[in-house]
Amino acid sequence: MSTPDTTDDAVRELLLVMPRLVGRIKRLPLPEQLRSLDLAPRHLSLLSLLLLDGPLTVSQLAEMLGVAPTTVSLIVSDLSRRAVLVRREDDADRRRRIIDITPESRPAITQWLSPGAHAWRHALAPLTAAQQRTFVDTLLRYEEAVSTARQATPKRE
């Protein structure tokens, strides 16, 4: 009798948990102040970085998000027009702009994003730093594999 493949067991569990996880995340209530803003995942990532790391430059945000600075500039412009973000001059280099969440929007964004950050901290707390890195690297490889598989799938006409 052969032993069961532990990778298949893990895949089976992940295939069951991922849709539940995504469904729960999608059902997180958006604070009233943010409902009319039509926020997309790219907004969530940028706002998460500003909430966790504080004010950042466009270049820093672009590097952390893995996108071009022009992409970040477009997102920042969009959210600045909606009074969610504010740009100010960098005192050290007046050519650079520092991006931050407006004081008026910070409470709603904190209310919206903090539960996810707390849940990740809870999930990662029992792991060593090396195990945490392995977990994050695994999710990144999964994301890449899904993206590659999607690009390789021919589109139906």
C-alpha atoms as a PDB file:
ATOM      1  CA  MET A   1       0.000   0.000   0.000  1.00  0.00           C
ATOM      2  CA  SER A   2       1.463   3.376  -0.968  1.00  0.00           C
ATOM      3  CA  THR A   3       1.682   6.300   1.406  1.00  0.00           C
ATOM      4  CA  PRO A   4      -0.480   9.280   0.602  1.00  0.00           C
ATOM      5  CA  ASP A   5       1.225  12.228  -1.055  1.00  0.00           C
ATOM      6  CA  THR A   6       1.478  14.951   1.588  1.00  0.00           C
ATOM      7  CA  THR A   7       1.729  17.612  -1.124  1.00  0.00           C
ATOM      8  CA  ASP A   8      -1.611  16.451  -2.552  1.00  0.00           C
ATOM      9  CA  ASP A   9      -3.098  16.605   0.945  1.00  0.00           C
ATOM     10  CA  ALA A  10      -1.840  20.160   1.394  1.00  0.00           C
ATOM     11  CA  VAL A  11      -3.094  21.168  -2.075  1.00  0.00           C
ATOM     12  CA  ARG A  12      -6.503  19.689  -1.258  1.00  0.00           C
ATOM     13  CA  GLU A  13      -6.700  21.695   1.973  1.00  0.00           C
ATOM     14  CA  LEU A  14      -5.568  24.892   0.277  1.00  0.00           C
ATOM     15  CA  LEU A  15      -8.058  24.450  -2.556  1.00  0.00           C
ATOM     16  CA  LEU A  16     -10.772  24.260   0.084  1.00  0.00           C
ATOM     17  CA  VAL A  17      -9.576  27.123   2.270  1.00  0.00           C
ATOM     18  CA  MET A  18      -8.647  29.684  -0.412  1.00  0.00           C
ATOM     19  CA  PRO A  19     -12.197  30.284  -1.742  1.00  0.00           C
ATOM     20  CA  ARG A  20     -13.479  30.606   1.836  1.00  0.00           C
ATOM     21  CA  LEU A  21     -10.682  33.035   2.652  1.00  0.00           C
ATOM     22  CA  VAL A  22     -11.297  35.171  -0.438  1.00  0.00           C
ATOM     23  CA  GLY A  23     -15.038  35.135   0.229  1.00  0.00           C
ATOM     24  CA  ARG A  24     -14.561  36.308   3.808  1.00  0.00           C
ATOM     25  CA  ILE A  25     -12.182  39.050   2.749  1.00  0.00           C
ATOM     26  CA  LYS A  26     -14.630  40.270   0.106  1.00  0.00           C
ATOM     27  CA  ARG A  27     -17.380  40.422   2.726  1.00  0.00           C
ATOM     28  CA  LEU A  28     -15.400  42.673   5.081  1.00  0.00           C
ATOM     29  CA  PRO A  29     -17.552  45.748   5.463  1.00  0.00           C
ATOM     30  CA  LEU A  30     -16.171  48.895   3.919  1.00  0.00           C
ATOM     31  CA  PRO A  31     -16.545  51.895   6.255  1.00  0.00           C
ATOM     32  CA  GLU A  32     -19.251  54.317   5.152  1.00  0.00           C
ATOM     33  CA  GLN A  33     -16.719  57.058   4.343  1.00  0.00           C
ATOM     34  CA  LEU A  34     -14.978  54.779   1.789  1.00  0.00           C
ATOM     35  CA  ARG A  35     -18.003  53.188   0.094  1.00  0.00           C
ATOM     36  CA  SER A  36     -18.421  55.786  -2.627  1.00  0.00           C
ATOM     37  CA  LEU A  37     -14.731  55.683  -3.615  1.00  0.00           C
ATOM     38  CA  ASP A  38     -14.904  52.520  -5.760  1.00  0.00           C
ATOM     39  CA  LEU A  39     -11.608  51.215  -4.341  1.00  0.00           C
ATOM     40  CA  ALA A  40      -9.811  48.421  -6.181  1.00  0.00           C
ATOM     41  CA  PRO A  41      -7.136  45.937  -4.993  1.00  0.00           C
ATOM     42  CA  ARG A  42      -4.371  48.298  -6.182  1.00  0.00           C
ATOM     43  CA  HIS A  43      -5.756  50.950  -3.822  1.00  0.00           C
ATOM     44  CA  LEU A  44      -5.862  48.467  -0.955  1.00  0.00           C
ATOM     45  CA  SER A  45      -2.182  47.558  -1.418  1.00  0.00           C
ATOM     46  CA  LEU A  46      -1.035  51.173  -1.558  1.00  0.00           C
ATOM     47  CA  LEU A  47      -3.168  52.204   1.421  1.00  0.00           C
ATOM     48  CA  SER A  48      -1.925  49.189   3.404  1.00  0.00           C
ATOM     49  CA  LEU A  49       1.682  50.242   2.860  1.00  0.00           C
ATOM     50  CA  LEU A  50       0.982  53.806   3.959  1.00  0.00           C
ATOM     51  CA  LEU A  51      -0.933  52.589   6.995  1.00  0.00           C
ATOM     52  CA  LEU A  52       1.816  50.149   8.054  1.00  0.00           C
ATOM     53  CA  ASP A  53       4.921  52.122   7.039  1.00  0.00           C
ATOM     54  CA  GLY A  54       3.785  55.728   7.287  1.00  0.00           C
ATOM     55  CA  PRO A  55       4.430  58.424   4.688  1.00  0.00           C
ATOM     56  CA  LEU A  56       6.440  57.278   1.642  1.00  0.00           C
ATOM     57  CA  THR A  57       7.649  58.694  -1.650  1.00  0.00           C
ATOM     58  CA  VAL A  58       6.199  57.643  -4.999  1.00  0.00           C
ATOM     59  CA  SER A  59       9.461  55.802  -5.761  1.00  0.00           C
ATOM     60  CA  GLN A  60       9.341  53.902  -2.469  1.00  0.00           C
ATOM     61  CA  LEU A  61       5.719  52.924  -3.045  1.00  0.00           C
ATOM     62  CA  ALA A  62       6.485  51.839  -6.615  1.00  0.00           C
ATOM     63  CA  GLU A  63       9.377  49.662  -5.471  1.00  0.00           C
ATOM     64  CA  MET A  64       7.358  48.061  -2.672  1.00  0.00           C
ATOM     65  CA  LEU A  65       4.362  47.440  -4.956  1.00  0.00           C
ATOM     66  CA  GLY A  66       6.517  46.183  -7.827  1.00  0.00           C
ATOM     67  CA  VAL A  67       5.067  48.645 -10.325  1.00  0.00           C
ATOM     68  CA  ALA A  68       6.294  51.660 -12.261  1.00  0.00           C
ATOM     69  CA  PRO A  69       6.385  55.050 -10.528  1.00  0.00           C
ATOM     70  CA  THR A  70       3.958  56.368 -13.156  1.00  0.00           C
ATOM     71  CA  THR A  71       1.418  53.736 -12.056  1.00  0.00           C
ATOM     72  CA  VAL A  72       1.772  54.861  -8.443  1.00  0.00           C
ATOM     73  CA  SER A  73       1.478  58.497  -9.501  1.00  0.00           C
ATOM     74  CA  LEU A  74      -1.824  57.744 -11.243  1.00  0.00           C
ATOM     75  CA  ILE A  75      -3.195  55.953  -8.162  1.00  0.00           C
ATOM     76  CA  VAL A  76      -1.977  58.745  -5.876  1.00  0.00           C
ATOM     77  CA  SER A  77      -3.534  61.401  -8.139  1.00  0.00           C
ATOM     78  CA  ASP A  78      -6.814  59.508  -8.125  1.00  0.00           C
ATOM     79  CA  LEU A  79      -6.880  59.161  -4.334  1.00  0.00           C
ATOM     80  CA  SER A  80      -5.654  62.733  -3.805  1.00  0.00           C
ATOM     81  CA  ARG A  81      -8.578  64.078  -5.843  1.00  0.00           C
ATOM     82  CA  ARG A  82     -10.875  62.089  -3.564  1.00  0.00           C
ATOM     83  CA  ALA A  83      -9.184  63.580  -0.444  1.00  0.00           C
ATOM     84  CA  VAL A  84      -7.925  60.164   0.711  1.00  0.00           C
ATOM     85  CA  LEU A  85      -4.238  60.938   0.206  1.00  0.00           C
ATOM     86  CA  VAL A  86      -2.185  64.080   0.568  1.00  0.00           C
ATOM     87  CA  ARG A  87       1.090  64.993  -1.119  1.00  0.00           C
ATOM     88  CA  ARG A  88       3.612  67.277   0.509  1.00  0.00           C
ATOM     89  CA  GLU A  89       7.119  68.388  -0.320  1.00  0.00           C
ATOM     90  CA  ASP A  90       9.996  66.413   1.131  1.00  0.00           C
ATOM     91  CA  ASP A  91      11.916  68.824   3.372  1.00  0.00           C
ATOM     92  CA  ALA A  92      15.183  67.100   2.426  1.00  0.00           C
ATOM     93  CA  ASP A  93      14.557  67.297  -1.334  1.00  0.00           C
ATOM     94  CA  ARG A  94      11.865  69.700  -2.516  1.00  0.00           C
ATOM     95  CA  ARG A  95      11.612  67.881  -5.875  1.00  0.00           C
ATOM     96  CA  ARG A  96      10.281  64.759  -4.141  1.00  0.00           C
ATOM     97  CA  ARG A  97       6.763  64.390  -2.839  1.00  0.00           C
ATOM     98  CA  ILE A  98       5.827  62.510   0.305  1.00  0.00           C
ATOM     99  CA  ILE A  99       2.521  60.649   0.134  1.00  0.00           C
ATOM    100  CA  ASP A 100       0.375  60.049   3.209  1.00  0.00           C
ATOM    101  CA  ILE A 101      -3.201  59.254   4.180  1.00  0.00           C
ATOM    102  CA  THR A 102      -5.215  62.356   5.043  1.00  0.00           C
ATOM    103  CA  PRO A 103      -6.075  62.758   8.734  1.00  0.00           C
ATOM    104  CA  GLU A 104      -9.771  62.685   7.784  1.00  0.00           C
ATOM    105  CA  SER A 105      -9.453  59.337   5.978  1.00  0.00           C
ATOM    106  CA  ARG A 106      -7.047  57.608   8.372  1.00  0.00           C
ATOM    107  CA  PRO A 107      -9.687  56.373  10.886  1.00  0.00           C
ATOM    108  CA  ALA A 108     -11.840  54.769   8.159  1.00  0.00           C
ATOM    109  CA  ILE A 109      -8.837  53.181   6.428  1.00  0.00           C
ATOM    110  CA  THR A 110      -7.531  51.901   9.765  1.00  0.00           C
ATOM    111  CA  GLN A 111     -10.966  50.443  10.575  1.00  0.00           C
ATOM    112  CA  TRP A 112     -11.048  48.740   7.167  1.00  0.00           C
ATOM    113  CA  LEU A 113      -7.496  47.357   6.936  1.00  0.00           C
ATOM    114  CA  SER A 114      -6.441  46.718  10.536  1.00  0.00           C
ATOM    115  CA  PRO A 115      -8.435  43.480  10.992  1.00  0.00           C
ATOM    116  CA  GLY A 116      -6.500  41.902   8.102  1.00  0.00           C
ATOM    117  CA  ALA A 117      -3.145  42.994   9.513  1.00  0.00           C
ATOM    118  CA  HIS A 118      -4.111  41.669  12.948  1.00  0.00           C
ATOM    119  CA  ALA A 119      -5.223  38.350  11.431  1.00  0.00           C
ATOM    120  CA  TRP A 120      -1.890  37.985   9.584  1.00  0.00           C
ATOM    121  CA  ARG A 121       0.040  38.792  12.769  1.00  0.00           C
ATOM    122  CA  HIS A 122      -1.987  36.156  14.627  1.00  0.00           C
ATOM    123  CA  ALA A 123      -1.387  33.559  11.909  1.00  0.00           C
ATOM    124  CA  LEU A 124       2.342  34.296  11.612  1.00  0.00           C
ATOM    125  CA  ALA A 125       3.104  34.705  15.335  1.00  0.00           C
ATOM    126  CA  PRO A 126       3.850  31.015  16.073  1.00  0.00           C
ATOM    127  CA  LEU A 127       6.282  30.791  13.151  1.00  0.00           C
ATOM    128  CA  THR A 128       9.972  31.582  13.261  1.00  0.00           C
ATOM    129  CA  ALA A 129      11.288  34.357  11.028  1.00  0.00           C
ATOM    130  CA  ALA A 130      12.562  31.711   8.588  1.00  0.00           C
ATOM    131  CA  GLN A 131       9.186  29.949   8.527  1.00  0.00           C
ATOM    132  CA  GLN A 132       7.419  33.258   7.959  1.00  0.00           C
ATOM    133  CA  ARG A 133       9.746  33.969   5.023  1.00  0.00           C
ATOM    134  CA  THR A 134       9.045  30.499   3.605  1.00  0.00           C
ATOM    135  CA  PHE A 135       5.307  31.078   3.910  1.00  0.00           C
ATOM    136  CA  VAL A 136       5.472  34.471   2.170  1.00  0.00           C
ATOM    137  CA  ASP A 137       7.771  33.089  -0.539  1.00  0.00           C
ATOM    138  CA  THR A 138       5.342  30.209  -1.080  1.00  0.00           C
ATOM    139  CA  LEU A 139       2.420  32.594  -1.544  1.00  0.00           C
ATOM    140  CA  LEU A 140       4.491  34.662  -3.982  1.00  0.00           C
ATOM    141  CA  ARG A 141       5.397  31.548  -5.988  1.00  0.00           C
ATOM    142  CA  TYR A 142       1.725  30.536  -6.015  1.00  0.00           C
ATOM    143  CA  GLU A 143       0.728  33.991  -7.262  1.00  0.00           C
ATOM    144  CA  GLU A 144       3.363  33.781 -10.004  1.00  0.00           C
ATOM    145  CA  ALA A 145       2.271  30.272 -11.013  1.00  0.00           C
ATOM    146  CA  VAL A 146      -1.381  31.312 -11.222  1.00  0.00           C
ATOM    147  CA  SER A 147      -0.432  34.369 -13.265  1.00  0.00           C
ATOM    148  CA  THR A 148       1.752  32.308 -15.607  1.00  0.00           C
ATOM    149  CA  ALA A 149      -0.941  29.649 -16.013  1.00  0.00           C
ATOM    150  CA  ARG A 150      -3.513  32.322 -16.821  1.00  0.00           C
ATOM    151  CA  GLN A 151      -1.283  33.916 -19.436  1.00  0.00           C
ATOM    152  CA  ALA A 152      -0.596  30.528 -21.029  1.00  0.00           C
ATOM    153  CA  THR A 153      -4.297  29.651 -21.297  1.00  0.00           C
ATOM    154  CA  PRO A 154      -5.599  30.510 -24.776  1.00  0.00           C
ATOM    155  CA  LYS A 155      -8.480  32.937 -24.856  1.00  0.00           C
ATOM    156  CA  ARG A 156     -11.767  31.755 -26.294  1.00  0.00           C
ATOM    157  CA  GLU A 157     -12.990  33.635 -29.329  1.00  0.00           C
END
